[in-house]
Amino acid sequence: MFHPFHKSFVCFHGFRLAKILKKPLEEIKSWLKKAHFYNPNNNTFHLLWIEILFKEKQIKEVNEYIANLLIQRKSAFLETLFCGNTRYYCDFIFDYFF
């Protein structure tokens, strides 16, 4: 009925609203997981997941997640990270690395 990108878009906005409304982290994560499920190639969702892992202080998981992304989709991921062809400004993630 609805294209997966539409479903992903709706879930992404659920994620954004949950963050704005300061909902519990589990609810925020749930929306992002759903958005990613419908659009697994969206690198912005990967960056947002890394942000959540940082907030949870799961540094080992961050390292493993990034390592896997660099193996599986290095070029596309780095392009998104450095805001190549994305509409979502991604420099927020650098604060967590420092």
PDB file of N, CA and C in Angstrom:
ATOM      1  N   MET A   1       0.820  -1.170   0.000  1.00  0.00           N
ATOM      2  CA  MET A   1       0.000   0.000   0.000  1.00  0.00           C
ATOM      3  C   MET A   1       0.883   1.260   0.000  1.00  0.00           C
ATOM      4  N   PHE A   2       1.699   1.460   1.033  1.00  0.00           N
ATOM      5  CA  PHE A   2       2.605   2.600   1.082  1.00  0.00           C
ATOM      6  C   PHE A   2       4.017   2.125   0.774  1.00  0.00           C
ATOM      7  N   HIS A   3       4.753   2.941   0.075  1.00  0.00           N
ATOM      8  CA  HIS A   3       6.142   2.634  -0.249  1.00  0.00           C
ATOM      9  C   HIS A   3       6.976   2.655   1.036  1.00  0.00           C
ATOM     10  N   PRO A   4       7.979   1.793   1.139  1.00  0.00           N
ATOM     11  CA  PRO A   4       8.822   1.778   2.335  1.00  0.00           C
ATOM     12  C   PRO A   4       9.453   3.141   2.666  1.00  0.00           C
ATOM     13  N   PHE A   5       9.767   3.954   1.656  1.00  0.00           N
ATOM     14  CA  PHE A   5      10.341   5.270   1.936  1.00  0.00           C
ATOM     15  C   PHE A   5       9.343   6.169   2.659  1.00  0.00           C
ATOM     16  N   HIS A   6       8.064   6.043   2.309  1.00  0.00           N
ATOM     17  CA  HIS A   6       7.045   6.811   3.011  1.00  0.00           C
ATOM     18  C   HIS A   6       6.944   6.366   4.470  1.00  0.00           C
ATOM     19  N   LYS A   7       6.973   5.064   4.675  1.00  0.00           N
ATOM     20  CA  LYS A   7       6.921   4.540   6.039  1.00  0.00           C
ATOM     21  C   LYS A   7       8.140   5.003   6.832  1.00  0.00           C
ATOM     22  N   SER A   8       9.288   4.973   6.194  1.00  0.00           N
ATOM     23  CA  SER A   8      10.512   5.423   6.839  1.00  0.00           C
ATOM     24  C   SER A   8      10.420   6.900   7.221  1.00  0.00           C
ATOM     25  N   PHE A   9       9.884   7.698   6.312  1.00  0.00           N
ATOM     26  CA  PHE A   9       9.731   9.132   6.548  1.00  0.00           C
ATOM     27  C   PHE A   9       8.840   9.394   7.760  1.00  0.00           C
ATOM     28  N   VAL A  10       7.736   8.682   7.852  1.00  0.00           N
ATOM     29  CA  VAL A  10       6.823   8.830   8.980  1.00  0.00           C
ATOM     30  C   VAL A  10       7.532   8.448  10.282  1.00  0.00           C
ATOM     31  N   CYS A  11       8.246   7.346  10.268  1.00  0.00           N
ATOM     32  CA  CYS A  11       8.952   6.894  11.468  1.00  0.00           C
ATOM     33  C   CYS A  11      10.068   7.860  11.858  1.00  0.00           C
ATOM     34  N   PHE A  12      10.751   8.422  10.865  1.00  0.00           N
ATOM     35  CA  PHE A  12      11.795   9.399  11.161  1.00  0.00           C
ATOM     36  C   PHE A  12      11.189  10.610  11.871  1.00  0.00           C
ATOM     37  N   HIS A  13      10.035  11.050  11.428  1.00  0.00           N
ATOM     38  CA  HIS A  13       9.409  12.194  12.090  1.00  0.00           C
ATOM     39  C   HIS A  13       8.880  11.822  13.472  1.00  0.00           C
ATOM     40  N   GLY A  14       8.489  10.571  13.654  1.00  0.00           N
ATOM     41  CA  GLY A  14       8.172  10.096  14.999  1.00  0.00           C
ATOM     42  C   GLY A  14       9.391  10.172  15.897  1.00  0.00           C
ATOM     43  N   PHE A  15      10.532   9.784  15.355  1.00  0.00           N
ATOM     44  CA  PHE A  15      11.809   9.880  16.076  1.00  0.00           C
ATOM     45  C   PHE A  15      12.102  11.332  16.458  1.00  0.00           C
ATOM     46  N   ARG A  16      11.992  12.235  15.483  1.00  0.00           N
ATOM     47  CA  ARG A  16      12.279  13.660  15.733  1.00  0.00           C
ATOM     48  C   ARG A  16      11.349  14.228  16.807  1.00  0.00           C
ATOM     49  N   LEU A  17      10.062  13.923  16.696  1.00  0.00           N
ATOM     50  CA  LEU A  17       9.112  14.426  17.684  1.00  0.00           C
ATOM     51  C   LEU A  17       9.377  13.846  19.071  1.00  0.00           C
ATOM     52  N   ALA A  18       9.712  12.578  19.122  1.00  0.00           N
ATOM     53  CA  ALA A  18      10.027  11.955  20.412  1.00  0.00           C
ATOM     54  C   ALA A  18      11.225  12.645  21.061  1.00  0.00           C
ATOM     55  N   LYS A  19      12.220  13.013  20.248  1.00  0.00           N
ATOM     56  CA  LYS A  19      13.378  13.736  20.786  1.00  0.00           C
ATOM     57  C   LYS A  19      12.973  15.122  21.278  1.00  0.00           C
ATOM     58  N   ILE A  20      12.202  15.830  20.469  1.00  0.00           N
ATOM     59  CA  ILE A  20      11.771  17.181  20.832  1.00  0.00           C
ATOM     60  C   ILE A  20      10.950  17.162  22.111  1.00  0.00           C
ATOM     61  N   LEU A  21      10.082  16.168  22.243  1.00  0.00           N
ATOM     62  CA  LEU A  21       9.213  16.058  23.410  1.00  0.00           C
ATOM     63  C   LEU A  21       9.904  15.402  24.602  1.00  0.00           C
ATOM     64  N   LYS A  22      11.199  15.079  24.421  1.00  0.00           N
ATOM     65  CA  LYS A  22      12.002  14.468  25.483  1.00  0.00           C
ATOM     66  C   LYS A  22      11.359  13.189  26.032  1.00  0.00           C
ATOM     67  N   LYS A  23      10.915  12.362  25.101  1.00  0.00           N
ATOM     68  CA  LYS A  23      10.352  11.066  25.459  1.00  0.00           C
ATOM     69  C   LYS A  23      11.471  10.154  25.950  1.00  0.00           C
ATOM     70  N   PRO A  24      11.128   9.047  26.586  1.00  0.00           N
ATOM     71  CA  PRO A  24      12.157   8.104  27.041  1.00  0.00           C
ATOM     72  C   PRO A  24      13.016   7.621  25.867  1.00  0.00           C
ATOM     73  N   LEU A  25      14.274   7.372  26.157  1.00  0.00           N
ATOM     74  CA  LEU A  25      15.224   6.966  25.123  1.00  0.00           C
ATOM     75  C   LEU A  25      14.759   5.703  24.399  1.00  0.00           C
ATOM     76  N   GLU A  26      14.123   4.803  25.085  1.00  0.00           N
ATOM     77  CA  GLU A  26      13.648   3.570  24.440  1.00  0.00           C
ATOM     78  C   GLU A  26      12.616   3.878  23.356  1.00  0.00           C
ATOM     79  N   GLU A  27      11.765   4.863  23.597  1.00  0.00           N
ATOM     80  CA  GLU A  27      10.787   5.250  22.585  1.00  0.00           C
ATOM     81  C   GLU A  27      11.472   5.902  21.388  1.00  0.00           C
ATOM     82  N   ILE A  28      12.437   6.750  21.670  1.00  0.00           N
ATOM     83  CA  ILE A  28      13.201   7.402  20.605  1.00  0.00           C
ATOM     84  C   ILE A  28      13.901   6.345  19.751  1.00  0.00           C
ATOM     85  N   LYS A  29      14.542   5.395  20.411  1.00  0.00           N
ATOM     86  CA  LYS A  29      15.236   4.320  19.698  1.00  0.00           C
ATOM     87  C   LYS A  29      14.275   3.493  18.856  1.00  0.00           C
ATOM     88  N   SER A  30      13.096   3.245  19.389  1.00  0.00           N
ATOM     89  CA  SER A  30      12.114   2.450  18.670  1.00  0.00           C
ATOM     90  C   SER A  30      11.727   3.107  17.351  1.00  0.00           C
ATOM     91  N   TRP A  31      11.484   4.414  17.370  1.00  0.00           N
ATOM     92  CA  TRP A  31      11.146   5.125  16.133  1.00  0.00           C
ATOM     93  C   TRP A  31      12.288   5.058  15.128  1.00  0.00           C
ATOM     94  N   LEU A  32      13.516   5.233  15.608  1.00  0.00           N
ATOM     95  CA  LEU A  32      14.664   5.199  14.698  1.00  0.00           C
ATOM     96  C   LEU A  32      14.865   3.802  14.112  1.00  0.00           C
ATOM     97  N   LYS A  33      14.686   2.781  14.916  1.00  0.00           N
ATOM     98  CA  LYS A  33      14.796   1.406  14.418  1.00  0.00           C
ATOM     99  C   LYS A  33      13.771   1.134  13.321  1.00  0.00           C
ATOM    100  N   LYS A  34      12.544   1.633  13.525  1.00  0.00           N
ATOM    101  CA  LYS A  34      11.500   1.450  12.512  1.00  0.00           C
ATOM    102  C   LYS A  34      11.859   2.189  11.228  1.00  0.00           C
ATOM    103  N   ALA A  35      12.339   3.420  11.359  1.00  0.00           N
ATOM    104  CA  ALA A  35      12.729   4.197  10.175  1.00  0.00           C
ATOM    105  C   ALA A  35      13.830   3.468   9.419  1.00  0.00           C
ATOM    106  N   HIS A  36      14.805   2.947  10.149  1.00  0.00           N
ATOM    107  CA  HIS A  36      15.924   2.224   9.541  1.00  0.00           C
ATOM    108  C   HIS A  36      15.441   0.934   8.872  1.00  0.00           C
ATOM    109  N   PHE A  37      14.484   0.259   9.501  1.00  0.00           N
ATOM    110  CA  PHE A  37      13.936  -0.977   8.943  1.00  0.00           C
ATOM    111  C   PHE A  37      13.381  -0.731   7.537  1.00  0.00           C
ATOM    112  N   TYR A  38      12.650   0.356   7.368  1.00  0.00           N
ATOM    113  CA  TYR A  38      12.030   0.654   6.084  1.00  0.00           C
ATOM    114  C   TYR A  38      12.997   1.261   5.075  1.00  0.00           C
ATOM    115  N   ASN A  39      14.114   1.798   5.539  1.00  0.00           N
ATOM    116  CA  ASN A  39      15.095   2.399   4.634  1.00  0.00           C
ATOM    117  C   ASN A  39      16.502   2.130   5.177  1.00  0.00           C
ATOM    118  N   PRO A  40      16.978   0.882   5.095  1.00  0.00           N
ATOM    119  CA  PRO A  40      18.251   0.514   5.715  1.00  0.00           C
ATOM    120  C   PRO A  40      19.478   1.149   5.059  1.00  0.00           C
ATOM    121  N   ASN A  41      19.317   1.728   3.900  1.00  0.00           N
ATOM    122  CA  ASN A  41      20.473   2.341   3.229  1.00  0.00           C
ATOM    123  C   ASN A  41      20.621   3.822   3.539  1.00  0.00           C
ATOM    124  N   ASN A  42      19.802   4.345   4.425  1.00  0.00           N
ATOM    125  CA  ASN A  42      19.888   5.755   4.785  1.00  0.00           C
ATOM    126  C   ASN A  42      20.981   5.932   5.838  1.00  0.00           C
ATOM    127  N   ASN A  43      22.086   6.503   5.421  1.00  0.00           N
ATOM    128  CA  ASN A  43      23.230   6.659   6.322  1.00  0.00           C
ATOM    129  C   ASN A  43      22.969   7.637   7.452  1.00  0.00           C
ATOM    130  N   THR A  44      22.052   8.562   7.268  1.00  0.00           N
ATOM    131  CA  THR A  44      21.718   9.477   8.350  1.00  0.00           C
ATOM    132  C   THR A  44      21.159   8.709   9.537  1.00  0.00           C
ATOM    133  N   PHE A  45      20.390   7.666   9.267  1.00  0.00           N
ATOM    134  CA  PHE A  45      19.872   6.846  10.364  1.00  0.00           C
ATOM    135  C   PHE A  45      21.016   6.173  11.119  1.00  0.00           C
ATOM    136  N   HIS A  46      22.054   5.782  10.400  1.00  0.00           N
ATOM    137  CA  HIS A  46      23.226   5.200  11.068  1.00  0.00           C
ATOM    138  C   HIS A  46      23.884   6.238  11.977  1.00  0.00           C
ATOM    139  N   LEU A  47      24.024   7.463  11.494  1.00  0.00           N
ATOM    140  CA  LEU A  47      24.626   8.511  12.316  1.00  0.00           C
ATOM    141  C   LEU A  47      23.786   8.802  13.557  1.00  0.00           C
ATOM    142  N   LEU A  48      22.492   8.815  13.397  1.00  0.00           N
ATOM    143  CA  LEU A  48      21.619   9.054  14.538  1.00  0.00           C
ATOM    144  C   LEU A  48      21.695   7.907  15.546  1.00  0.00           C
ATOM    145  N   TRP A  49      21.877   6.690  15.043  1.00  0.00           N
ATOM    146  CA  TRP A  49      22.047   5.538  15.949  1.00  0.00           C
ATOM    147  C   TRP A  49      23.371   5.664  16.705  1.00  0.00           C
ATOM    148  N   ILE A  50      24.406   6.110  16.037  1.00  0.00           N
ATOM    149  CA  ILE A  50      25.701   6.332  16.698  1.00  0.00           C
ATOM    150  C   ILE A  50      25.538   7.380  17.790  1.00  0.00           C
ATOM    151  N   GLU A  51      24.771   8.429  17.511  1.00  0.00           N
ATOM    152  CA  GLU A  51      24.521   9.452  18.528  1.00  0.00           C
ATOM    153  C   GLU A  51      23.860   8.834  19.760  1.00  0.00           C
ATOM    154  N   ILE A  52      22.893   7.967  19.545  1.00  0.00           N
ATOM    155  CA  ILE A  52      22.222   7.311  20.673  1.00  0.00           C
ATOM    156  C   ILE A  52      23.211   6.454  21.460  1.00  0.00           C
ATOM    157  N   LEU A  53      24.040   5.715  20.756  1.00  0.00           N
ATOM    158  CA  LEU A  53      25.039   4.884  21.447  1.00  0.00           C
ATOM    159  C   LEU A  53      25.979   5.749  22.287  1.00  0.00           C
ATOM    160  N   PHE A  54      26.378   6.891  21.753  1.00  0.00           N
ATOM    161  CA  PHE A  54      27.212   7.814  22.526  1.00  0.00           C
ATOM    162  C   PHE A  54      26.469   8.291  23.770  1.00  0.00           C
ATOM    163  N   LYS A  55      25.205   8.658  23.618  1.00  0.00           N
ATOM    164  CA  LYS A  55      24.425   9.135  24.759  1.00  0.00           C
ATOM    165  C   LYS A  55      24.303   8.063  25.837  1.00  0.00           C
ATOM    166  N   GLU A  56      24.276   6.821  25.412  1.00  0.00           N
ATOM    167  CA  GLU A  56      24.203   5.706  26.359  1.00  0.00           C
ATOM    168  C   GLU A  56      25.591   5.302  26.871  1.00  0.00           C
ATOM    169  N   LYS A  57      26.606   6.044  26.426  1.00  0.00           N
ATOM    170  CA  LYS A  57      28.002   5.787  26.824  1.00  0.00           C
ATOM    171  C   LYS A  57      28.464   4.383  26.451  1.00  0.00           C
ATOM    172  N   GLN A  58      28.001   3.906  25.312  1.00  0.00           N
ATOM    173  CA  GLN A  58      28.369   2.585  24.805  1.00  0.00           C
ATOM    174  C   GLN A  58      29.488   2.754  23.762  1.00  0.00           C
ATOM    175  N   ILE A  59      30.634   3.156  24.234  1.00  0.00           N
ATOM    176  CA  ILE A  59      31.748   3.500  23.349  1.00  0.00           C
ATOM    177  C   ILE A  59      32.243   2.292  22.558  1.00  0.00           C
ATOM    178  N   LYS A  60      32.302   1.147  23.193  1.00  0.00           N
ATOM    179  CA  LYS A  60      32.732  -0.065  22.487  1.00  0.00           C
ATOM    180  C   LYS A  60      31.783  -0.355  21.319  1.00  0.00           C
ATOM    181  N   GLU A  61      30.484  -0.226  21.569  1.00  0.00           N
ATOM    182  CA  GLU A  61      29.495  -0.471  20.522  1.00  0.00           C
ATOM    183  C   GLU A  61      29.611   0.550  19.402  1.00  0.00           C
ATOM    184  N   VAL A  62      29.916   1.808  19.761  1.00  0.00           N
ATOM    185  CA  VAL A  62      30.128   2.846  18.740  1.00  0.00           C
ATOM    186  C   VAL A  62      31.270   2.440  17.828  1.00  0.00           C
ATOM    187  N   ASN A  63      32.381   2.036  18.415  1.00  0.00           N
ATOM    188  CA  ASN A  63      33.548   1.634  17.626  1.00  0.00           C
ATOM    189  C   ASN A  63      33.227   0.461  16.708  1.00  0.00           C
ATOM    190  N   GLU A  64      32.529  -0.537  17.226  1.00  0.00           N
ATOM    191  CA  GLU A  64      32.165  -1.703  16.425  1.00  0.00           C
ATOM    192  C   GLU A  64      31.196  -1.322  15.306  1.00  0.00           C
ATOM    193  N   TYR A  65      30.242  -0.480  15.637  1.00  0.00           N
ATOM    194  CA  TYR A  65      29.242  -0.063  14.652  1.00  0.00           C
ATOM    195  C   TYR A  65      29.906   0.699  13.507  1.00  0.00           C
ATOM    196  N   ILE A  66      30.772   1.636  13.863  1.00  0.00           N
ATOM    197  CA  ILE A  66      31.470   2.414  12.827  1.00  0.00           C
ATOM    198  C   ILE A  66      32.389   1.519  12.012  1.00  0.00           C
ATOM    199  N   ALA A  67      33.088   0.612  12.667  1.00  0.00           N
ATOM    200  CA  ALA A  67      33.969  -0.311  11.942  1.00  0.00           C
ATOM    201  C   ALA A  67      33.179  -1.108  10.913  1.00  0.00           C
ATOM    202  N   ASN A  68      32.006  -1.603  11.303  1.00  0.00           N
ATOM    203  CA  ASN A  68      31.156  -2.358  10.370  1.00  0.00           C
ATOM    204  C   ASN A  68      30.675  -1.487   9.222  1.00  0.00           C
ATOM    205  N   LEU A  69      30.294  -0.250   9.529  1.00  0.00           N
ATOM    206  CA  LEU A  69      29.854   0.659   8.466  1.00  0.00           C
ATOM    207  C   LEU A  69      30.982   0.924   7.474  1.00  0.00           C
ATOM    208  N   LEU A  70      32.190   1.082   7.984  1.00  0.00           N
ATOM    209  CA  LEU A  70      33.330   1.356   7.099  1.00  0.00           C
ATOM    210  C   LEU A  70      33.665   0.147   6.235  1.00  0.00           C
ATOM    211  N   ILE A  71      33.381  -1.030   6.715  1.00  0.00           N
ATOM    212  CA  ILE A  71      33.594  -2.244   5.915  1.00  0.00           C
ATOM    213  C   ILE A  71      32.485  -2.387   4.875  1.00  0.00           C
ATOM    214  N   GLN A  72      31.240  -2.176   5.291  1.00  0.00           N
ATOM    215  CA  GLN A  72      30.089  -2.448   4.432  1.00  0.00           C
ATOM    216  C   GLN A  72      29.770  -1.333   3.445  1.00  0.00           C
ATOM    217  N   ARG A  73      29.975  -0.078   3.846  1.00  0.00           N
ATOM    218  CA  ARG A  73      29.504   1.037   3.022  1.00  0.00           C
ATOM    219  C   ARG A  73      30.346   2.292   3.223  1.00  0.00           C
ATOM    220  N   LYS A  74      31.632   2.129   3.200  1.00  0.00           N
ATOM    221  CA  LYS A  74      32.564   3.196   3.540  1.00  0.00           C
ATOM    222  C   LYS A  74      32.309   4.490   2.761  1.00  0.00           C
ATOM    223  N   SER A  75      32.274   4.413   1.468  1.00  0.00           N
ATOM    224  CA  SER A  75      32.156   5.614   0.647  1.00  0.00           C
ATOM    225  C   SER A  75      30.856   6.365   0.916  1.00  0.00           C
ATOM    226  N   ALA A  76      29.744   5.658   0.906  1.00  0.00           N
ATOM    227  CA  ALA A  76      28.439   6.293   1.123  1.00  0.00           C
ATOM    228  C   ALA A  76      28.330   6.853   2.537  1.00  0.00           C
ATOM    229  N   PHE A  77      28.837   6.100   3.514  1.00  0.00           N
ATOM    230  CA  PHE A  77      28.766   6.556   4.900  1.00  0.00           C
ATOM    231  C   PHE A  77      29.601   7.820   5.102  1.00  0.00           C
ATOM    232  N   LEU A  78      30.824   7.817   4.595  1.00  0.00           N
ATOM    233  CA  LEU A  78      31.685   8.990   4.762  1.00  0.00           C
ATOM    234  C   LEU A  78      31.122  10.205   4.034  1.00  0.00           C
ATOM    235  N   GLU A  79      30.510   9.975   2.897  1.00  0.00           N
ATOM    236  CA  GLU A  79      29.889  11.080   2.170  1.00  0.00           C
ATOM    237  C   GLU A  79      28.773  11.709   3.007  1.00  0.00           C
ATOM    238  N   THR A  80      27.973  10.883   3.642  1.00  0.00           N
ATOM    239  CA  THR A  80      26.904  11.398   4.498  1.00  0.00           C
ATOM    240  C   THR A  80      27.480  12.084   5.725  1.00  0.00           C
ATOM    241  N   LEU A  81      28.475  11.468   6.336  1.00  0.00           N
ATOM    242  CA  LEU A  81      29.097  12.027   7.532  1.00  0.00           C
ATOM    243  C   LEU A  81      29.616  13.435   7.277  1.00  0.00           C
ATOM    244  N   PHE A  82      30.196  13.626   6.122  1.00  0.00           N
ATOM    245  CA  PHE A  82      30.757  14.938   5.805  1.00  0.00           C
ATOM    246  C   PHE A  82      29.789  15.772   4.965  1.00  0.00           C
ATOM    247  N   CYS A  83      28.496  15.403   5.042  1.00  0.00           N
ATOM    248  CA  CYS A  83      27.388  16.170   4.462  1.00  0.00           C
ATOM    249  C   CYS A  83      27.515  16.368   2.963  1.00  0.00           C
ATOM    250  N   GLY A  84      27.831  15.309   2.265  1.00  0.00           N
ATOM    251  CA  GLY A  84      27.919  15.388   0.816  1.00  0.00           C
ATOM    252  C   GLY A  84      26.566  15.597   0.175  1.00  0.00           C
ATOM    253  N   ASN A  85      25.761  14.570   0.091  1.00  0.00           N
ATOM    254  CA  ASN A  85      24.459  14.657  -0.578  1.00  0.00           C
ATOM    255  C   ASN A  85      23.319  14.394   0.392  1.00  0.00           C
ATOM    256  N   THR A  86      23.316  15.058   1.497  1.00  0.00           N
ATOM    257  CA  THR A  86      22.249  14.850   2.469  1.00  0.00           C
ATOM    258  C   THR A  86      21.581  16.171   2.794  1.00  0.00           C
ATOM    259  N   ARG A  87      20.347  16.091   3.182  1.00  0.00           N
ATOM    260  CA  ARG A  87      19.629  17.295   3.591  1.00  0.00           C
ATOM    261  C   ARG A  87      19.670  17.468   5.092  1.00  0.00           C
ATOM    262  N   TYR A  88      20.204  16.499   5.788  1.00  0.00           N
ATOM    263  CA  TYR A  88      20.275  16.534   7.239  1.00  0.00           C
ATOM    264  C   TYR A  88      21.695  16.904   7.626  1.00  0.00           C
ATOM    265  N   TYR A  89      21.854  17.983   8.343  1.00  0.00           N
ATOM    266  CA  TYR A  89      23.178  18.471   8.710  1.00  0.00           C
ATOM    267  C   TYR A  89      23.782  17.533   9.752  1.00  0.00           C
ATOM    268  N   CYS A  90      24.943  16.958   9.456  1.00  0.00           N
ATOM    269  CA  CYS A  90      25.470  15.844  10.256  1.00  0.00           C
ATOM    270  C   CYS A  90      26.647  16.192  11.164  1.00  0.00           C
ATOM    271  N   ASP A  91      27.036  17.441  11.251  1.00  0.00           N
ATOM    272  CA  ASP A  91      28.223  17.738  12.046  1.00  0.00           C
ATOM    273  C   ASP A  91      28.001  17.574  13.551  1.00  0.00           C
ATOM    274  N   PHE A  92      26.744  17.398  13.986  1.00  0.00           N
ATOM    275  CA  PHE A  92      26.451  17.200  15.402  1.00  0.00           C
ATOM    276  C   PHE A  92      27.211  16.010  15.963  1.00  0.00           C
ATOM    277  N   ILE A  93      27.483  15.032  15.136  1.00  0.00           N
ATOM    278  CA  ILE A  93      28.104  13.798  15.606  1.00  0.00           C
ATOM    279  C   ILE A  93      29.556  14.013  16.042  1.00  0.00           C
ATOM    280  N   PHE A  94      30.223  15.015  15.470  1.00  0.00           N
ATOM    281  CA  PHE A  94      31.630  15.244  15.798  1.00  0.00           C
ATOM    282  C   PHE A  94      31.821  15.652  17.253  1.00  0.00           C
ATOM    283  N   ASP A  95      30.847  16.334  17.849  1.00  0.00           N
ATOM    284  CA  ASP A  95      30.949  16.715  19.253  1.00  0.00           C
ATOM    285  C   ASP A  95      31.124  15.496  20.148  1.00  0.00           C
ATOM    286  N   TYR A  96      30.492  14.399  19.799  1.00  0.00           N
ATOM    287  CA  TYR A  96      30.587  13.187  20.611  1.00  0.00           C
ATOM    288  C   TYR A  96      31.976  12.566  20.542  1.00  0.00           C
ATOM    289  N   PHE A  97      32.637  12.709  19.405  1.00  0.00           N
ATOM    290  CA  PHE A  97      33.974  12.140  19.279  1.00  0.00           C
ATOM    291  C   PHE A  97      34.987  12.878  20.128  1.00  0.00           C
ATOM    292  N   PHE A  98      34.712  14.151  20.380  1.00  0.00           N
ATOM    293  CA  PHE A  98      35.647  14.949  21.169  1.00  0.00           C
ATOM    294  C   PHE A  98      35.264  14.921  22.628  1.00  0.00           C
TER     295      PHE A  98
END
